[in-house]
Amino acid sequence: MQSRKSMAATARLLTLALVLFTLMAGGAQAATKMPSFALPSVKDGSVVKASAYQGKAMLINFFATWCPPCRKEIPSLIQLQNEYGPKGFTVIGISTDQGGAALVDKFAQKMEINYPVLLSDSQTPAAFGGILGIPTSFLVNREGNVVKRYDGYVGHQTLVNDLNAILK
């Protein structure tokens, strides 16, 4: 039979293991309000405000034109926009490129991007909690809460499953 001290040590180890597993698996996060933004469209320079999408589910995708995983992800985002756009969803691409709107717009046209593409400023990535690498995306529910953060490339089926969960 284990002593109380031994049982307490075992419980602490199990708790630590559970915490580490949760962190490594990208554990559940409490929903937080999506930061407000007002950024220029790369297409025509018009300012696009987050408030214009109130009541819609969104996938905010920080990317760059030179980033291979970003390029790989774009066809999936186009497909999501086509399939879920009519259901109250939109992808919003936010370019972190330093080359200006014309460069990003040319890229967006070449890739046939069908969702809004905006040019990031220095404050927006910080408002989202910091962008350490790209792509980084945020899934936002219809109430305007960030419910999931994706660091790096995300497979299409993962996005579909998570989107279906919030569009119920």
N, C-alpha and C. Protein backbone atom coordinates (compact mmCIF):
# COMPACT_ATOMS: atom_id res chain seq x y z
N MET A 1 0.83 -1.17 0.00
CA MET A 1 0.00 0.00 0.00
C MET A 1 0.89 1.25 0.00
N GLN A 2 0.51 2.25 -0.83
CA GLN A 2 1.30 3.47 -0.93
C GLN A 2 1.05 4.38 0.27
N SER A 3 2.10 5.08 0.68
CA SER A 3 1.94 6.06 1.75
C SER A 3 1.28 7.31 1.19
N ARG A 4 0.76 8.14 2.08
CA ARG A 4 0.13 9.39 1.65
C ARG A 4 1.12 10.27 0.89
N LYS A 5 2.36 10.30 1.36
CA LYS A 5 3.39 11.09 0.70
C LYS A 5 3.62 10.60 -0.73
N SER A 6 3.67 9.29 -0.89
CA SER A 6 3.89 8.69 -2.19
C SER A 6 2.69 8.94 -3.12
N MET A 7 1.48 8.84 -2.58
CA MET A 7 0.28 9.10 -3.38
C MET A 7 0.23 10.57 -3.81
N ALA A 8 0.63 11.48 -2.92
CA ALA A 8 0.64 12.90 -3.25
C ALA A 8 1.66 13.18 -4.35
N ALA A 9 2.82 12.54 -4.27
CA ALA A 9 3.85 12.71 -5.29
C ALA A 9 3.36 12.18 -6.64
N THR A 10 2.70 11.05 -6.61
CA THR A 10 2.15 10.47 -7.85
C THR A 10 1.11 11.40 -8.45
N ALA A 11 0.24 11.96 -7.60
CA ALA A 11 -0.80 12.89 -8.07
C ALA A 11 -0.17 14.12 -8.70
N ARG A 12 0.90 14.65 -8.09
CA ARG A 12 1.58 15.82 -8.65
C ARG A 12 2.20 15.49 -10.01
N LEU A 13 2.80 14.32 -10.12
CA LEU A 13 3.39 13.91 -11.40
C LEU A 13 2.32 13.76 -12.48
N LEU A 14 1.18 13.17 -12.12
CA LEU A 14 0.10 13.01 -13.10
C LEU A 14 -0.45 14.37 -13.52
N THR A 15 -0.58 15.28 -12.57
CA THR A 15 -1.06 16.62 -12.88
C THR A 15 -0.09 17.33 -13.82
N LEU A 16 1.20 17.24 -13.52
CA LEU A 16 2.22 17.84 -14.36
C LEU A 16 2.19 17.24 -15.77
N ALA A 17 2.06 15.93 -15.85
CA ALA A 17 1.99 15.27 -17.15
C ALA A 17 0.77 15.74 -17.93
N LEU A 18 -0.37 15.90 -17.26
CA LEU A 18 -1.58 16.36 -17.92
C LEU A 18 -1.42 17.79 -18.42
N VAL A 19 -0.83 18.64 -17.61
CA VAL A 19 -0.60 20.04 -18.01
C VAL A 19 0.33 20.09 -19.23
N LEU A 20 1.42 19.33 -19.20
CA LEU A 20 2.35 19.31 -20.32
C LEU A 20 1.68 18.77 -21.58
N PHE A 21 0.89 17.71 -21.45
CA PHE A 21 0.18 17.15 -22.60
C PHE A 21 -0.77 18.18 -23.19
N THR A 22 -1.51 18.89 -22.32
CA THR A 22 -2.46 19.90 -22.78
C THR A 22 -1.74 21.02 -23.52
N LEU A 23 -0.61 21.47 -22.99
CA LEU A 23 0.15 22.53 -23.65
C LEU A 23 0.70 22.06 -25.00
N MET A 24 1.21 20.85 -25.03
CA MET A 24 1.78 20.33 -26.28
C MET A 24 0.70 20.08 -27.32
N ALA A 25 -0.50 19.74 -26.88
CA ALA A 25 -1.59 19.45 -27.82
C ALA A 25 -2.35 20.71 -28.20
N GLY A 26 -1.89 21.87 -27.73
CA GLY A 26 -2.59 23.12 -28.05
C GLY A 26 -3.91 23.18 -27.32
N GLY A 27 -3.89 22.92 -26.05
CA GLY A 27 -5.08 22.80 -25.22
C GLY A 27 -6.13 23.85 -25.42
N ALA A 28 -7.26 23.58 -24.87
CA ALA A 28 -8.41 24.48 -25.01
C ALA A 28 -8.05 25.86 -24.48
N GLN A 29 -8.50 26.85 -25.20
CA GLN A 29 -8.26 28.22 -24.77
C GLN A 29 -9.61 28.89 -24.57
N ALA A 30 -9.66 29.75 -23.62
CA ALA A 30 -10.88 30.52 -23.42
C ALA A 30 -11.04 31.48 -24.59
N ALA A 31 -12.27 31.67 -25.00
CA ALA A 31 -12.53 32.60 -26.11
C ALA A 31 -12.22 34.02 -25.65
N THR A 32 -11.60 34.78 -26.54
CA THR A 32 -11.32 36.18 -26.26
C THR A 32 -11.85 37.01 -27.42
N LYS A 33 -12.24 38.24 -27.12
CA LYS A 33 -12.76 39.13 -28.16
C LYS A 33 -11.70 39.37 -29.23
N MET A 34 -12.13 39.31 -30.47
CA MET A 34 -11.22 39.59 -31.57
C MET A 34 -10.85 41.07 -31.52
N PRO A 35 -9.57 41.37 -31.69
CA PRO A 35 -9.18 42.78 -31.71
C PRO A 35 -9.81 43.51 -32.89
N SER A 36 -10.07 44.76 -32.69
CA SER A 36 -10.59 45.61 -33.76
C SER A 36 -9.43 45.96 -34.69
N PHE A 37 -9.73 46.12 -35.97
CA PHE A 37 -8.71 46.58 -36.91
C PHE A 37 -9.37 47.38 -38.02
N ALA A 38 -8.58 48.22 -38.64
CA ALA A 38 -8.99 48.99 -39.82
C ALA A 38 -7.76 49.05 -40.70
N LEU A 39 -7.77 48.24 -41.77
CA LEU A 39 -6.59 48.08 -42.62
C LEU A 39 -6.94 48.30 -44.09
N PRO A 40 -5.97 48.75 -44.88
CA PRO A 40 -6.24 49.00 -46.30
C PRO A 40 -6.32 47.70 -47.11
N SER A 41 -7.27 47.65 -48.02
CA SER A 41 -7.38 46.55 -48.97
C SER A 41 -6.24 46.68 -49.97
N VAL A 42 -5.64 45.56 -50.34
CA VAL A 42 -4.56 45.63 -51.33
C VAL A 42 -5.13 45.89 -52.72
N LYS A 43 -6.41 45.62 -52.90
CA LYS A 43 -7.04 45.78 -54.21
C LYS A 43 -7.21 47.25 -54.58
N ASP A 44 -7.77 48.04 -53.65
CA ASP A 44 -8.09 49.43 -54.01
C ASP A 44 -7.73 50.45 -52.93
N GLY A 45 -7.12 50.01 -51.85
CA GLY A 45 -6.70 50.92 -50.80
C GLY A 45 -7.81 51.33 -49.84
N SER A 46 -9.06 50.90 -50.11
CA SER A 46 -10.15 51.27 -49.20
C SER A 46 -9.92 50.61 -47.83
N VAL A 47 -10.30 51.32 -46.79
CA VAL A 47 -10.09 50.82 -45.44
C VAL A 47 -11.19 49.82 -45.09
N VAL A 48 -10.76 48.65 -44.65
CA VAL A 48 -11.68 47.58 -44.26
C VAL A 48 -11.62 47.46 -42.74
N LYS A 49 -12.78 47.57 -42.11
CA LYS A 49 -12.86 47.50 -40.65
C LYS A 49 -13.40 46.15 -40.20
N ALA A 50 -12.87 45.67 -39.09
CA ALA A 50 -13.35 44.40 -38.52
C ALA A 50 -14.84 44.47 -38.26
N SER A 51 -15.33 45.62 -37.85
CA SER A 51 -16.75 45.78 -37.51
C SER A 51 -17.67 45.49 -38.69
N ALA A 52 -17.15 45.58 -39.92
CA ALA A 52 -17.96 45.29 -41.10
C ALA A 52 -18.36 43.82 -41.17
N TYR A 53 -17.69 42.98 -40.40
CA TYR A 53 -17.96 41.54 -40.42
C TYR A 53 -18.66 41.06 -39.15
N GLN A 54 -19.23 42.00 -38.43
CA GLN A 54 -19.94 41.67 -37.20
C GLN A 54 -21.04 40.64 -37.51
N GLY A 55 -21.13 39.60 -36.69
CA GLY A 55 -22.14 38.56 -36.88
C GLY A 55 -21.71 37.45 -37.81
N LYS A 56 -20.52 37.58 -38.42
CA LYS A 56 -20.00 36.53 -39.30
C LYS A 56 -18.91 35.75 -38.59
N ALA A 57 -18.79 34.48 -38.94
CA ALA A 57 -17.63 33.70 -38.52
C ALA A 57 -16.50 34.07 -39.47
N MET A 58 -15.28 34.09 -38.97
CA MET A 58 -14.14 34.50 -39.78
C MET A 58 -12.92 33.64 -39.51
N LEU A 59 -12.08 33.55 -40.51
CA LEU A 59 -10.74 33.01 -40.33
C LEU A 59 -9.79 34.13 -40.73
N ILE A 60 -9.11 34.70 -39.75
CA ILE A 60 -8.14 35.77 -39.99
C ILE A 60 -6.80 35.08 -40.23
N ASN A 61 -6.23 35.27 -41.42
CA ASN A 61 -5.03 34.56 -41.82
C ASN A 61 -3.89 35.55 -42.10
N PHE A 62 -2.89 35.56 -41.21
CA PHE A 62 -1.69 36.37 -41.42
C PHE A 62 -0.75 35.56 -42.31
N PHE A 63 -0.30 36.17 -43.42
CA PHE A 63 0.52 35.45 -44.39
C PHE A 63 1.50 36.41 -45.05
N ALA A 64 2.36 35.85 -45.90
CA ALA A 64 3.25 36.65 -46.75
C ALA A 64 3.36 35.97 -48.10
N THR A 65 3.57 36.76 -49.13
CA THR A 65 3.63 36.23 -50.50
C THR A 65 4.82 35.29 -50.71
N TRP A 66 5.89 35.49 -49.96
CA TRP A 66 7.12 34.72 -50.14
C TRP A 66 7.17 33.44 -49.31
N CYS A 67 6.12 33.18 -48.53
CA CYS A 67 6.09 32.09 -47.55
C CYS A 67 5.52 30.80 -48.17
N PRO A 68 6.34 29.74 -48.34
CA PRO A 68 5.84 28.50 -48.95
C PRO A 68 4.63 27.87 -48.22
N PRO A 69 4.62 27.76 -46.89
CA PRO A 69 3.43 27.18 -46.26
C PRO A 69 2.18 28.06 -46.45
N CYS A 70 2.38 29.36 -46.53
CA CYS A 70 1.25 30.27 -46.79
C CYS A 70 0.66 30.00 -48.16
N ARG A 71 1.54 29.86 -49.14
CA ARG A 71 1.10 29.58 -50.52
C ARG A 71 0.36 28.25 -50.59
N LYS A 72 0.86 27.28 -49.84
CA LYS A 72 0.24 25.95 -49.84
C LYS A 72 -1.16 25.99 -49.24
N GLU A 73 -1.36 26.87 -48.27
CA GLU A 73 -2.64 26.97 -47.55
C GLU A 73 -3.72 27.71 -48.34
N ILE A 74 -3.34 28.60 -49.23
CA ILE A 74 -4.30 29.48 -49.92
C ILE A 74 -5.38 28.72 -50.70
N PRO A 75 -5.07 27.66 -51.46
CA PRO A 75 -6.16 26.95 -52.15
C PRO A 75 -7.24 26.42 -51.20
N SER A 76 -6.84 25.98 -50.03
CA SER A 76 -7.80 25.53 -49.02
C SER A 76 -8.66 26.69 -48.53
N LEU A 77 -8.05 27.85 -48.34
CA LEU A 77 -8.80 29.02 -47.88
C LEU A 77 -9.79 29.48 -48.95
N ILE A 78 -9.38 29.41 -50.20
CA ILE A 78 -10.28 29.75 -51.32
C ILE A 78 -11.49 28.81 -51.32
N GLN A 79 -11.21 27.53 -51.12
CA GLN A 79 -12.28 26.52 -51.08
C GLN A 79 -13.23 26.78 -49.91
N LEU A 80 -12.68 27.11 -48.74
CA LEU A 80 -13.53 27.42 -47.58
C LEU A 80 -14.41 28.63 -47.86
N GLN A 81 -13.84 29.65 -48.49
CA GLN A 81 -14.61 30.85 -48.82
C GLN A 81 -15.76 30.49 -49.76
N ASN A 82 -15.48 29.67 -50.76
CA ASN A 82 -16.52 29.26 -51.71
C ASN A 82 -17.63 28.47 -51.02
N GLU A 83 -17.25 27.53 -50.18
CA GLU A 83 -18.22 26.64 -49.57
C GLU A 83 -18.99 27.28 -48.41
N TYR A 84 -18.29 28.03 -47.57
CA TYR A 84 -18.92 28.54 -46.35
C TYR A 84 -19.30 30.02 -46.41
N GLY A 85 -18.84 30.73 -47.43
CA GLY A 85 -19.19 32.14 -47.59
C GLY A 85 -20.69 32.38 -47.54
N PRO A 86 -21.49 31.58 -48.27
CA PRO A 86 -22.94 31.77 -48.23
C PRO A 86 -23.58 31.44 -46.87
N LYS A 87 -22.80 30.81 -45.98
CA LYS A 87 -23.32 30.42 -44.67
C LYS A 87 -22.91 31.41 -43.57
N GLY A 88 -22.44 32.59 -43.96
CA GLY A 88 -22.08 33.60 -42.96
C GLY A 88 -20.65 33.50 -42.48
N PHE A 89 -19.74 33.17 -43.37
CA PHE A 89 -18.33 33.01 -43.02
C PHE A 89 -17.48 33.77 -44.03
N THR A 90 -16.34 34.26 -43.59
CA THR A 90 -15.38 34.83 -44.54
C THR A 90 -13.96 34.61 -44.04
N VAL A 91 -13.08 34.40 -44.99
CA VAL A 91 -11.65 34.40 -44.73
C VAL A 91 -11.21 35.84 -44.93
N ILE A 92 -10.30 36.32 -44.09
CA ILE A 92 -9.68 37.62 -44.29
C ILE A 92 -8.18 37.40 -44.25
N GLY A 93 -7.52 37.66 -45.37
CA GLY A 93 -6.08 37.55 -45.43
C GLY A 93 -5.45 38.86 -45.02
N ILE A 94 -4.45 38.78 -44.15
CA ILE A 94 -3.72 39.99 -43.74
C ILE A 94 -2.25 39.76 -44.07
N SER A 95 -1.78 40.47 -45.08
CA SER A 95 -0.41 40.31 -45.56
C SER A 95 0.57 41.06 -44.66
N THR A 96 1.64 40.38 -44.32
CA THR A 96 2.70 41.00 -43.53
C THR A 96 3.87 41.44 -44.42
N ASP A 97 3.66 41.38 -45.74
CA ASP A 97 4.71 41.78 -46.69
C ASP A 97 5.09 43.24 -46.52
N GLN A 98 6.36 43.53 -46.80
CA GLN A 98 6.86 44.90 -46.72
C GLN A 98 6.91 45.57 -48.10
N GLY A 99 6.57 44.82 -49.16
CA GLY A 99 6.71 45.32 -50.52
C GLY A 99 5.58 46.20 -51.02
N GLY A 100 4.55 46.41 -50.20
CA GLY A 100 3.46 47.29 -50.59
C GLY A 100 2.27 46.58 -51.18
N ALA A 101 1.19 47.33 -51.31
CA ALA A 101 -0.10 46.78 -51.73
C ALA A 101 -0.06 46.24 -53.16
N ALA A 102 0.64 46.89 -54.07
CA ALA A 102 0.66 46.46 -55.47
C ALA A 102 1.25 45.05 -55.60
N LEU A 103 2.32 44.78 -54.87
CA LEU A 103 2.94 43.46 -54.88
C LEU A 103 1.96 42.40 -54.39
N VAL A 104 1.29 42.69 -53.29
CA VAL A 104 0.37 41.72 -52.69
C VAL A 104 -0.87 41.54 -53.57
N ASP A 105 -1.35 42.63 -54.17
CA ASP A 105 -2.52 42.53 -55.05
C ASP A 105 -2.19 41.68 -56.28
N LYS A 106 -1.02 41.86 -56.84
CA LYS A 106 -0.61 41.04 -57.99
C LYS A 106 -0.58 39.56 -57.60
N PHE A 107 -0.03 39.27 -56.42
CA PHE A 107 0.01 37.90 -55.91
C PHE A 107 -1.41 37.36 -55.71
N ALA A 108 -2.29 38.15 -55.11
CA ALA A 108 -3.67 37.73 -54.85
C ALA A 108 -4.40 37.42 -56.16
N GLN A 109 -4.16 38.23 -57.19
CA GLN A 109 -4.77 37.97 -58.49
C GLN A 109 -4.22 36.69 -59.11
N LYS A 110 -2.92 36.51 -59.03
CA LYS A 110 -2.29 35.31 -59.58
C LYS A 110 -2.82 34.05 -58.89
N MET A 111 -3.02 34.12 -57.58
CA MET A 111 -3.50 32.97 -56.81
C MET A 111 -5.03 32.83 -56.88
N GLU A 112 -5.69 33.82 -57.51
CA GLU A 112 -7.15 33.86 -57.64
C GLU A 112 -7.84 33.83 -56.26
N ILE A 113 -7.30 34.62 -55.35
CA ILE A 113 -7.86 34.72 -54.00
C ILE A 113 -9.22 35.40 -54.09
N ASN A 114 -10.21 34.78 -53.46
CA ASN A 114 -11.60 35.24 -53.54
C ASN A 114 -12.12 35.84 -52.23
N TYR A 115 -11.23 36.22 -51.36
CA TYR A 115 -11.60 36.81 -50.08
C TYR A 115 -10.80 38.10 -49.89
N PRO A 116 -11.23 38.95 -48.97
CA PRO A 116 -10.51 40.22 -48.76
C PRO A 116 -9.06 40.00 -48.35
N VAL A 117 -8.16 40.75 -48.95
CA VAL A 117 -6.75 40.71 -48.59
C VAL A 117 -6.36 42.13 -48.18
N LEU A 118 -5.87 42.23 -46.96
CA LEU A 118 -5.53 43.52 -46.37
C LEU A 118 -4.05 43.59 -46.10
N LEU A 119 -3.54 44.80 -45.99
CA LEU A 119 -2.13 45.03 -45.69
C LEU A 119 -1.99 45.33 -44.20
N SER A 120 -1.20 44.53 -43.52
CA SER A 120 -1.03 44.69 -42.07
C SER A 120 -0.29 45.97 -41.73
N ASP A 121 -0.56 46.46 -40.55
CA ASP A 121 0.24 47.55 -39.97
C ASP A 121 1.05 46.93 -38.83
N SER A 122 1.76 47.74 -38.09
CA SER A 122 2.59 47.19 -37.02
C SER A 122 1.78 46.85 -35.76
N GLN A 123 0.60 47.43 -35.59
CA GLN A 123 -0.17 47.20 -34.38
C GLN A 123 -1.05 45.95 -34.43
N THR A 124 -1.55 45.60 -35.60
CA THR A 124 -2.53 44.51 -35.69
C THR A 124 -1.98 43.16 -35.24
N PRO A 125 -0.80 42.73 -35.69
CA PRO A 125 -0.30 41.44 -35.21
C PRO A 125 -0.14 41.42 -33.68
N ALA A 126 0.32 42.53 -33.11
CA ALA A 126 0.47 42.60 -31.65
C ALA A 126 -0.89 42.52 -30.96
N ALA A 127 -1.91 43.13 -31.55
CA ALA A 127 -3.25 43.10 -30.96
C ALA A 127 -3.81 41.69 -30.92
N PHE A 128 -3.38 40.84 -31.85
CA PHE A 128 -3.82 39.45 -31.87
C PHE A 128 -2.96 38.57 -30.96
N GLY A 129 -2.09 39.16 -30.18
CA GLY A 129 -1.27 38.40 -29.25
C GLY A 129 0.12 38.09 -29.76
N GLY A 130 0.47 38.71 -30.88
CA GLY A 130 1.80 38.50 -31.44
C GLY A 130 1.80 37.38 -32.46
N ILE A 131 2.49 37.62 -33.54
CA ILE A 131 2.64 36.65 -34.61
C ILE A 131 4.11 36.27 -34.65
N LEU A 132 4.41 35.05 -34.24
CA LEU A 132 5.81 34.62 -34.18
C LEU A 132 6.29 34.07 -35.51
N GLY A 133 5.38 33.55 -36.30
CA GLY A 133 5.72 32.99 -37.60
C GLY A 133 4.48 33.04 -38.48
N ILE A 134 4.68 32.76 -39.75
CA ILE A 134 3.54 32.76 -40.66
C ILE A 134 3.53 31.44 -41.41
N PRO A 135 2.37 30.98 -41.81
CA PRO A 135 1.07 31.58 -41.54
C PRO A 135 0.66 31.40 -40.07
N THR A 136 -0.13 32.33 -39.61
CA THR A 136 -0.81 32.23 -38.32
C THR A 136 -2.25 32.65 -38.56
N SER A 137 -3.18 31.83 -38.11
CA SER A 137 -4.60 32.12 -38.35
C SER A 137 -5.38 32.08 -37.05
N PHE A 138 -6.51 32.78 -37.07
CA PHE A 138 -7.40 32.86 -35.91
C PHE A 138 -8.82 32.58 -36.37
N LEU A 139 -9.47 31.62 -35.74
CA LEU A 139 -10.87 31.32 -36.03
C LEU A 139 -11.72 32.13 -35.08
N VAL A 140 -12.66 32.89 -35.65
CA VAL A 140 -13.50 33.80 -34.89
C VAL A 140 -14.95 33.36 -35.07
N ASN A 141 -15.68 33.22 -33.96
CA ASN A 141 -17.09 32.82 -34.07
C ASN A 141 -17.98 34.02 -34.37
N ARG A 142 -19.26 33.76 -34.54
CA ARG A 142 -20.19 34.84 -34.92
C ARG A 142 -20.36 35.89 -33.84
N GLU A 143 -19.99 35.55 -32.63
CA GLU A 143 -20.08 36.51 -31.52
C GLU A 143 -18.84 37.41 -31.46
N GLY A 144 -17.89 37.17 -32.36
CA GLY A 144 -16.69 38.01 -32.40
C GLY A 144 -15.59 37.56 -31.47
N ASN A 145 -15.65 36.30 -31.02
CA ASN A 145 -14.63 35.76 -30.13
C ASN A 145 -13.65 34.89 -30.88
N VAL A 146 -12.37 35.06 -30.60
CA VAL A 146 -11.35 34.17 -31.15
C VAL A 146 -11.46 32.86 -30.38
N VAL A 147 -11.78 31.79 -31.10
CA VAL A 147 -11.97 30.49 -30.44
C VAL A 147 -10.83 29.52 -30.72
N LYS A 148 -9.97 29.85 -31.69
CA LYS A 148 -8.86 28.96 -32.01
C LYS A 148 -7.75 29.75 -32.69
N ARG A 149 -6.53 29.40 -32.33
CA ARG A 149 -5.34 29.99 -32.97
C ARG A 149 -4.58 28.85 -33.63
N TYR A 150 -4.14 29.07 -34.85
CA TYR A 150 -3.35 28.08 -35.58
C TYR A 150 -2.00 28.70 -35.91
N ASP A 151 -0.95 28.14 -35.36
CA ASP A 151 0.40 28.60 -35.68
C ASP A 151 0.98 27.66 -36.72
N GLY A 152 1.24 28.17 -37.92
CA GLY A 152 1.76 27.35 -38.99
C GLY A 152 0.66 26.86 -39.92
N TYR A 153 1.06 26.07 -40.89
CA TYR A 153 0.15 25.52 -41.88
C TYR A 153 -0.92 24.66 -41.20
N VAL A 154 -2.16 24.79 -41.67
CA VAL A 154 -3.26 23.99 -41.13
C VAL A 154 -3.90 23.22 -42.28
N GLY A 155 -4.08 21.93 -42.07
CA GLY A 155 -4.72 21.09 -43.08
C GLY A 155 -6.18 21.46 -43.28
N HIS A 156 -6.67 21.22 -44.48
CA HIS A 156 -8.03 21.59 -44.86
C HIS A 156 -9.08 20.95 -43.94
N GLN A 157 -8.93 19.66 -43.67
CA GLN A 157 -9.95 18.96 -42.88
C GLN A 157 -10.03 19.51 -41.46
N THR A 158 -8.92 19.91 -40.89
CA THR A 158 -8.93 20.52 -39.56
C THR A 158 -9.76 21.80 -39.58
N LEU A 159 -9.56 22.62 -40.60
CA LEU A 159 -10.31 23.87 -40.71
C LEU A 159 -11.81 23.58 -40.91
N VAL A 160 -12.12 22.61 -41.75
CA VAL A 160 -13.52 22.24 -41.99
C VAL A 160 -14.18 21.78 -40.69
N ASN A 161 -13.50 20.91 -39.95
CA ASN A 161 -14.07 20.41 -38.69
C ASN A 161 -14.29 21.54 -37.69
N ASP A 162 -13.31 22.41 -37.55
CA ASP A 162 -13.44 23.51 -36.59
C ASP A 162 -14.50 24.51 -37.03
N LEU A 163 -14.59 24.75 -38.33
CA LEU A 163 -15.59 25.67 -38.85
C LEU A 163 -16.99 25.11 -38.68
N ASN A 164 -17.17 23.84 -38.96
CA ASN A 164 -18.47 23.21 -38.77
C ASN A 164 -18.91 23.29 -37.30
N ALA A 165 -17.95 23.18 -36.39
CA ALA A 165 -18.26 23.24 -34.96
C ALA A 165 -18.81 24.61 -34.55
N ILE A 166 -18.32 25.67 -35.17
CA ILE A 166 -18.79 27.01 -34.75
C ILE A 166 -19.97 27.52 -35.57
N LEU A 167 -20.25 26.88 -36.71
CA LEU A 167 -21.37 27.32 -37.55
C LEU A 167 -22.66 26.57 -37.28
N LYS A 168 -22.66 25.71 -36.29
CA LYS A 168 -23.88 24.94 -35.96
C LYS A 168 -25.04 25.82 -35.66
